[in-house]
Amino acid sequence: LVSMDKLTVNNFHNVQILRPLINI
């Protein structure tokens, strides 16, 4: 339910997923 956070904690091959617009 809360999977779309600003930063994906579990990175994939050392690449993190960042969503800097998630509160816009």
PDB file of all heavy atoms in Angstrom:
ATOM      1  N   LEU A   1       0.815  -1.217   0.000  1.00  0.00           N
ATOM      2  CA  LEU A   1       0.000   0.000   0.000  1.00  0.00           C
ATOM      3  C   LEU A   1       0.848   1.267   0.000  1.00  0.00           C
ATOM      4  O   LEU A   1       0.439   2.300  -0.516  1.00  0.00           O
ATOM      5  CB  LEU A   1      -0.940   0.013   1.205  1.00  0.00           C
ATOM      6  CG  LEU A   1      -2.064  -1.034   1.203  1.00  0.00           C
ATOM      7  CD1 LEU A   1      -2.808  -1.013   2.525  1.00  0.00           C
ATOM      8  CD2 LEU A   1      -3.040  -0.782   0.047  1.00  0.00           C
ATOM      9  N   VAL A   2       2.033   1.190   0.610  1.00  0.00           N
ATOM     10  CA  VAL A   2       2.890   2.384   0.700  1.00  0.00           C
ATOM     11  C   VAL A   2       4.151   2.215  -0.145  1.00  0.00           C
ATOM     12  O   VAL A   2       5.181   2.821   0.125  1.00  0.00           O
ATOM     13  CB  VAL A   2       3.265   2.692   2.161  1.00  0.00           C
ATOM     14  CG1 VAL A   2       2.025   2.998   2.972  1.00  0.00           C
ATOM     15  CG2 VAL A   2       4.035   1.532   2.804  1.00  0.00           C
ATOM     16  N   SER A   3       4.066   1.393  -1.186  1.00  0.00           N
ATOM     17  CA  SER A   3       5.253   1.035  -1.971  1.00  0.00           C
ATOM     18  C   SER A   3       5.841   2.198  -2.750  1.00  0.00           C
ATOM     19  O   SER A   3       7.031   2.195  -3.057  1.00  0.00           O
ATOM     20  CB  SER A   3       4.917  -0.100  -2.940  1.00  0.00           C
ATOM     21  OG  SER A   3       3.905   0.295  -3.840  1.00  0.00           O
ATOM     22  N   MET A   4       5.036   3.206  -3.081  1.00  0.00           N
ATOM     23  CA  MET A   4       5.561   4.319  -3.866  1.00  0.00           C
ATOM     24  C   MET A   4       6.057   5.435  -2.944  1.00  0.00           C
ATOM     25  O   MET A   4       5.445   6.486  -2.801  1.00  0.00           O
ATOM     26  CB  MET A   4       4.497   4.845  -4.839  1.00  0.00           C
ATOM     27  CG  MET A   4       5.051   5.811  -5.875  1.00  0.00           C
ATOM     28  SD  MET A   4       3.876   6.231  -7.171  1.00  0.00           S
ATOM     29  CE  MET A   4       4.011   4.787  -8.224  1.00  0.00           C
ATOM     30  N   ASP A   5       7.190   5.190  -2.313  1.00  0.00           N
ATOM     31  CA  ASP A   5       7.804   6.174  -1.428  1.00  0.00           C
ATOM     32  C   ASP A   5       8.783   7.016  -2.232  1.00  0.00           C
ATOM     33  O   ASP A   5       9.081   6.716  -3.393  1.00  0.00           O
ATOM     34  CB  ASP A   5       8.525   5.456  -0.281  1.00  0.00           C
ATOM     35  CG  ASP A   5       8.734   6.359   0.925  1.00  0.00           C
ATOM     36  OD1 ASP A   5       8.377   7.550   0.848  1.00  0.00           O
ATOM     37  OD2 ASP A   5       9.258   5.866   1.940  1.00  0.00           O
ATOM     38  N   LYS A   6       9.311   8.078  -1.598  1.00  0.00           N
ATOM     39  CA  LYS A   6      10.249   8.958  -2.298  1.00  0.00           C
ATOM     40  C   LYS A   6      11.508   8.205  -2.716  1.00  0.00           C
ATOM     41  O   LYS A   6      12.005   8.374  -3.827  1.00  0.00           O
ATOM     42  CB  LYS A   6      10.624  10.154  -1.425  1.00  0.00           C
ATOM     43  CG  LYS A   6      11.632  11.094  -2.084  1.00  0.00           C
ATOM     44  CD  LYS A   6      11.864  12.356  -1.268  1.00  0.00           C
ATOM     45  CE  LYS A   6      10.727  13.330  -1.403  1.00  0.00           C
ATOM     46  NZ  LYS A   6      11.048  14.650  -0.823  1.00  0.00           N
ATOM     47  N   LEU A   7      12.013   7.360  -1.832  1.00  0.00           N
ATOM     48  CA  LEU A   7      13.231   6.606  -2.116  1.00  0.00           C
ATOM     49  C   LEU A   7      12.972   5.125  -1.938  1.00  0.00           C
ATOM     50  O   LEU A   7      12.461   4.699  -0.907  1.00  0.00           O
ATOM     51  CB  LEU A   7      14.354   7.047  -1.182  1.00  0.00           C
ATOM     52  CG  LEU A   7      15.699   6.329  -1.336  1.00  0.00           C
ATOM     53  CD1 LEU A   7      16.343   6.673  -2.671  1.00  0.00           C
ATOM     54  CD2 LEU A   7      16.642   6.686  -0.192  1.00  0.00           C
ATOM     55  N   THR A   8      13.313   4.345  -2.962  1.00  0.00           N
ATOM     56  CA  THR A   8      13.204   2.899  -2.843  1.00  0.00           C
ATOM     57  C   THR A   8      14.363   2.407  -2.000  1.00  0.00           C
ATOM     58  O   THR A   8      15.526   2.539  -2.394  1.00  0.00           O
ATOM     59  CB  THR A   8      13.233   2.229  -4.233  1.00  0.00           C
ATOM     60  OG1 THR A   8      12.122   2.703  -5.000  1.00  0.00           O
ATOM     61  CG2 THR A   8      13.156   0.721  -4.106  1.00  0.00           C
ATOM     62  N   VAL A   9      14.040   1.852  -0.837  1.00  0.00           N
ATOM     63  CA  VAL A   9      15.070   1.454   0.126  1.00  0.00           C
ATOM     64  C   VAL A   9      15.907   0.302  -0.406  1.00  0.00           C
ATOM     65  O   VAL A   9      17.126   0.313  -0.343  1.00  0.00           O
ATOM     66  CB  VAL A   9      14.440   1.063   1.490  1.00  0.00           C
ATOM     67  CG1 VAL A   9      15.512   0.575   2.446  1.00  0.00           C
ATOM     68  CG2 VAL A   9      13.692   2.255   2.078  1.00  0.00           C
ATOM     69  N   ASN A  10      15.252  -0.713  -0.961  1.00  0.00           N
ATOM     70  CA  ASN A  10      15.975  -1.865  -1.500  1.00  0.00           C
ATOM     71  C   ASN A  10      16.460  -1.540  -2.908  1.00  0.00           C
ATOM     72  O   ASN A  10      15.689  -1.542  -3.862  1.00  0.00           O
ATOM     73  CB  ASN A  10      15.064  -3.096  -1.549  1.00  0.00           C
ATOM     74  CG  ASN A  10      14.674  -3.546  -0.165  1.00  0.00           C
ATOM     75  OD1 ASN A  10      15.496  -3.627   0.718  1.00  0.00           O
ATOM     76  ND2 ASN A  10      13.399  -3.830   0.025  1.00  0.00           N
ATOM     77  N   ASN A  11      17.747  -1.225  -3.012  1.00  0.00           N
ATOM     78  CA  ASN A  11      18.245  -0.847  -4.339  1.00  0.00           C
ATOM     79  C   ASN A  11      18.484  -2.082  -5.202  1.00  0.00           C
ATOM     80  O   ASN A  11      18.554  -3.193  -4.736  1.00  0.00           O
ATOM     81  CB  ASN A  11      19.520  -0.010  -4.250  1.00  0.00           C
ATOM     82  CG  ASN A  11      20.607  -0.664  -3.422  1.00  0.00           C
ATOM     83  OD1 ASN A  11      20.762  -1.879  -3.483  1.00  0.00           O
ATOM     84  ND2 ASN A  11      21.329   0.122  -2.660  1.00  0.00           N
ATOM     85  N   PHE A  12      18.583  -1.843  -6.495  1.00  0.00           N
ATOM     86  CA  PHE A  12      18.712  -2.911  -7.483  1.00  0.00           C
ATOM     87  C   PHE A  12      20.055  -2.744  -8.186  1.00  0.00           C
ATOM     88  O   PHE A  12      20.280  -1.762  -8.861  1.00  0.00           O
ATOM     89  CB  PHE A  12      17.563  -2.807  -8.488  1.00  0.00           C
ATOM     90  CG  PHE A  12      17.641  -3.797  -9.614  1.00  0.00           C
ATOM     91  CD1 PHE A  12      17.580  -5.149  -9.358  1.00  0.00           C
ATOM     92  CD2 PHE A  12      17.758  -3.366 -10.920  1.00  0.00           C
ATOM     93  CE1 PHE A  12      17.628  -6.060 -10.399  1.00  0.00           C
ATOM     94  CE2 PHE A  12      17.805  -4.270 -11.962  1.00  0.00           C
ATOM     95  CZ  PHE A  12      17.744  -5.617 -11.701  1.00  0.00           C
ATOM     96  N   HIS A  13      20.960  -3.695  -7.959  1.00  0.00           N
ATOM     97  CA  HIS A  13      22.301  -3.595  -8.525  1.00  0.00           C
ATOM     98  C   HIS A  13      22.957  -2.267  -8.172  1.00  0.00           C
ATOM     99  O   HIS A  13      23.558  -1.597  -9.008  1.00  0.00           O
ATOM    100  CB  HIS A  13      22.256  -3.778 -10.054  1.00  0.00           C
ATOM    101  CG  HIS A  13      21.924  -5.169 -10.483  1.00  0.00           C
ATOM    102  ND1 HIS A  13      22.629  -6.273 -10.056  1.00  0.00           N
ATOM    103  CD2 HIS A  13      20.947  -5.632 -11.293  1.00  0.00           C
ATOM    104  CE1 HIS A  13      22.110  -7.363 -10.604  1.00  0.00           C
ATOM    105  NE2 HIS A  13      21.090  -7.007 -11.346  1.00  0.00           N
ATOM    106  N   ASN A  14      22.783  -1.847  -6.914  1.00  0.00           N
ATOM    107  CA  ASN A  14      23.390  -0.618  -6.390  1.00  0.00           C
ATOM    108  C   ASN A  14      22.864   0.655  -7.047  1.00  0.00           C
ATOM    109  O   ASN A  14      23.513   1.696  -6.992  1.00  0.00           O
ATOM    110  CB  ASN A  14      24.918  -0.670  -6.529  1.00  0.00           C
ATOM    111  CG  ASN A  14      25.521  -1.760  -5.670  1.00  0.00           C
ATOM    112  OD1 ASN A  14      25.116  -1.958  -4.533  1.00  0.00           O
ATOM    113  ND2 ASN A  14      26.486  -2.480  -6.221  1.00  0.00           N
ATOM    114  N   VAL A  15      21.697   0.577  -7.666  1.00  0.00           N
ATOM    115  CA  VAL A  15      21.056   1.771  -8.220  1.00  0.00           C
ATOM    116  C   VAL A  15      19.764   2.028  -7.448  1.00  0.00           C
ATOM    117  O   VAL A  15      18.862   1.196  -7.455  1.00  0.00           O
ATOM    118  CB  VAL A  15      20.745   1.614  -9.732  1.00  0.00           C
ATOM    119  CG1 VAL A  15      20.028   2.853 -10.258  1.00  0.00           C
ATOM    120  CG2 VAL A  15      22.029   1.366 -10.512  1.00  0.00           C
ATOM    121  N   GLN A  16      19.693   3.163  -6.784  1.00  0.00           N
ATOM    122  CA  GLN A  16      18.497   3.503  -6.023  1.00  0.00           C
ATOM    123  C   GLN A  16      17.494   4.236  -6.901  1.00  0.00           C
ATOM    124  O   GLN A  16      17.864   4.935  -7.840  1.00  0.00           O
ATOM    125  CB  GLN A  16      18.859   4.375  -4.815  1.00  0.00           C
ATOM    126  CG  GLN A  16      19.665   3.638  -3.756  1.00  0.00           C
ATOM    127  CD  GLN A  16      19.912   4.498  -2.540  1.00  0.00           C
ATOM    128  OE1 GLN A  16      20.167   5.690  -2.652  1.00  0.00           O
ATOM    129  NE2 GLN A  16      19.832   3.908  -1.363  1.00  0.00           N
ATOM    130  N   ILE A  17      16.218   4.060  -6.577  1.00  0.00           N
ATOM    131  CA  ILE A  17      15.147   4.734  -7.300  1.00  0.00           C
ATOM    132  C   ILE A  17      14.669   5.912  -6.454  1.00  0.00           C
ATOM    133  O   ILE A  17      14.200   5.735  -5.333  1.00  0.00           O
ATOM    134  CB  ILE A  17      13.957   3.781  -7.573  1.00  0.00           C
ATOM    135  CG1 ILE A  17      14.435   2.517  -8.304  1.00  0.00           C
ATOM    136  CG2 ILE A  17      12.876   4.507  -8.366  1.00  0.00           C
ATOM    137  CD1 ILE A  17      15.049   2.757  -9.652  1.00  0.00           C
ATOM    138  N   LEU A  18      14.795   7.117  -6.992  1.00  0.00           N
ATOM    139  CA  LEU A  18      14.401   8.336  -6.278  1.00  0.00           C
ATOM    140  C   LEU A  18      13.263   9.022  -7.017  1.00  0.00           C
ATOM    141  O   LEU A  18      13.322   9.192  -8.242  1.00  0.00           O
ATOM    142  CB  LEU A  18      15.596   9.277  -6.151  1.00  0.00           C
ATOM    143  CG  LEU A  18      15.361  10.613  -5.431  1.00  0.00           C
ATOM    144  CD1 LEU A  18      14.962  10.378  -3.970  1.00  0.00           C
ATOM    145  CD2 LEU A  18      16.605  11.494  -5.507  1.00  0.00           C
ATOM    146  N   ARG A  19      12.232   9.403  -6.262  1.00  0.00           N
ATOM    147  CA  ARG A  19      11.073  10.099  -6.837  1.00  0.00           C
ATOM    148  C   ARG A  19      10.977  11.495  -6.203  1.00  0.00           C
ATOM    149  O   ARG A  19      10.201  11.715  -5.277  1.00  0.00           O
ATOM    150  CB  ARG A  19       9.799   9.296  -6.567  1.00  0.00           C
ATOM    151  CG  ARG A  19       9.836   7.887  -7.132  1.00  0.00           C
ATOM    152  CD  ARG A  19       8.592   7.096  -6.760  1.00  0.00           C
ATOM    153  NE  ARG A  19       8.599   5.768  -7.343  1.00  0.00           N
ATOM    154  CZ  ARG A  19       9.149   4.700  -6.760  1.00  0.00           C
ATOM    155  NH1 ARG A  19       9.729   4.809  -5.563  1.00  0.00           N
ATOM    156  NH2 ARG A  19       9.114   3.526  -7.356  1.00  0.00           N
ATOM    157  N   PRO A  20      11.747  12.456  -6.691  1.00  0.00           N
ATOM    158  CA  PRO A  20      11.800  13.785  -6.063  1.00  0.00           C
ATOM    159  C   PRO A  20      10.534  14.620  -6.233  1.00  0.00           C
ATOM    160  O   PRO A  20      10.399  15.670  -5.610  1.00  0.00           O
ATOM    161  CB  PRO A  20      12.993  14.451  -6.752  1.00  0.00           C
ATOM    162  CG  PRO A  20      13.081  13.774  -8.081  1.00  0.00           C
ATOM    163  CD  PRO A  20      12.656  12.354  -7.843  1.00  0.00           C
ATOM    164  N   LEU A  21       9.600  14.154  -7.078  1.00  0.00           N
ATOM    165  CA  LEU A  21       8.358  14.903  -7.320  1.00  0.00           C
ATOM    166  C   LEU A  21       7.156  14.278  -6.614  1.00  0.00           C
ATOM    167  O   LEU A  21       6.023  14.700  -6.844  1.00  0.00           O
ATOM    168  CB  LEU A  21       8.072  14.976  -8.835  1.00  0.00           C
ATOM    169  CG  LEU A  21       9.197  15.452  -9.744  1.00  0.00           C
ATOM    170  CD1 LEU A  21       8.750  15.396 -11.199  1.00  0.00           C
ATOM    171  CD2 LEU A  21       9.640  16.860  -9.382  1.00  0.00           C
ATOM    172  N   ILE A  22       7.392  13.290  -5.758  1.00  0.00           N
ATOM    173  CA  ILE A  22       6.306  12.475  -5.217  1.00  0.00           C
ATOM    174  C   ILE A  22       5.318  13.283  -4.371  1.00  0.00           C
ATOM    175  O   ILE A  22       4.176  12.865  -4.188  1.00  0.00           O
ATOM    176  CB  ILE A  22       6.867  11.286  -4.401  1.00  0.00           C
ATOM    177  CG1 ILE A  22       5.820  10.186  -4.236  1.00  0.00           C
ATOM    178  CG2 ILE A  22       7.420  11.752  -3.071  1.00  0.00           C
ATOM    179  CD1 ILE A  22       5.390   9.526  -5.502  1.00  0.00           C
ATOM    180  N   ASN A  23       5.716  14.426  -3.862  1.00  0.00           N
ATOM    181  CA  ASN A  23       4.812  15.263  -3.058  1.00  0.00           C
ATOM    182  C   ASN A  23       4.283  16.467  -3.835  1.00  0.00           C
ATOM    183  O   ASN A  23       3.679  17.371  -3.249  1.00  0.00           O
ATOM    184  CB  ASN A  23       5.525  15.728  -1.788  1.00  0.00           C
ATOM    185  CG  ASN A  23       5.864  14.571  -0.864  1.00  0.00           C
ATOM    186  OD1 ASN A  23       5.074  13.656  -0.685  1.00  0.00           O
ATOM    187  ND2 ASN A  23       7.060  14.595  -0.304  1.00  0.00           N
ATOM    188  N   ILE A  24       4.517  16.480  -5.140  1.00  0.00           N
ATOM    189  CA  ILE A  24       4.098  17.609  -5.988  1.00  0.00           C
ATOM    190  C   ILE A  24       2.900  17.188  -6.839  1.00  0.00           C
ATOM    191  O   ILE A  24       2.872  16.097  -7.403  1.00  0.00           O
ATOM    192  CB  ILE A  24       5.263  18.053  -6.892  1.00  0.00           C
ATOM    193  CG1 ILE A  24       6.433  18.535  -6.021  1.00  0.00           C
ATOM    194  CG2 ILE A  24       4.814  19.167  -7.831  1.00  0.00           C
ATOM    195  CD1 ILE A  24       7.693  18.832  -6.799  1.00  0.00           C
TER     196      ILE A  24
END
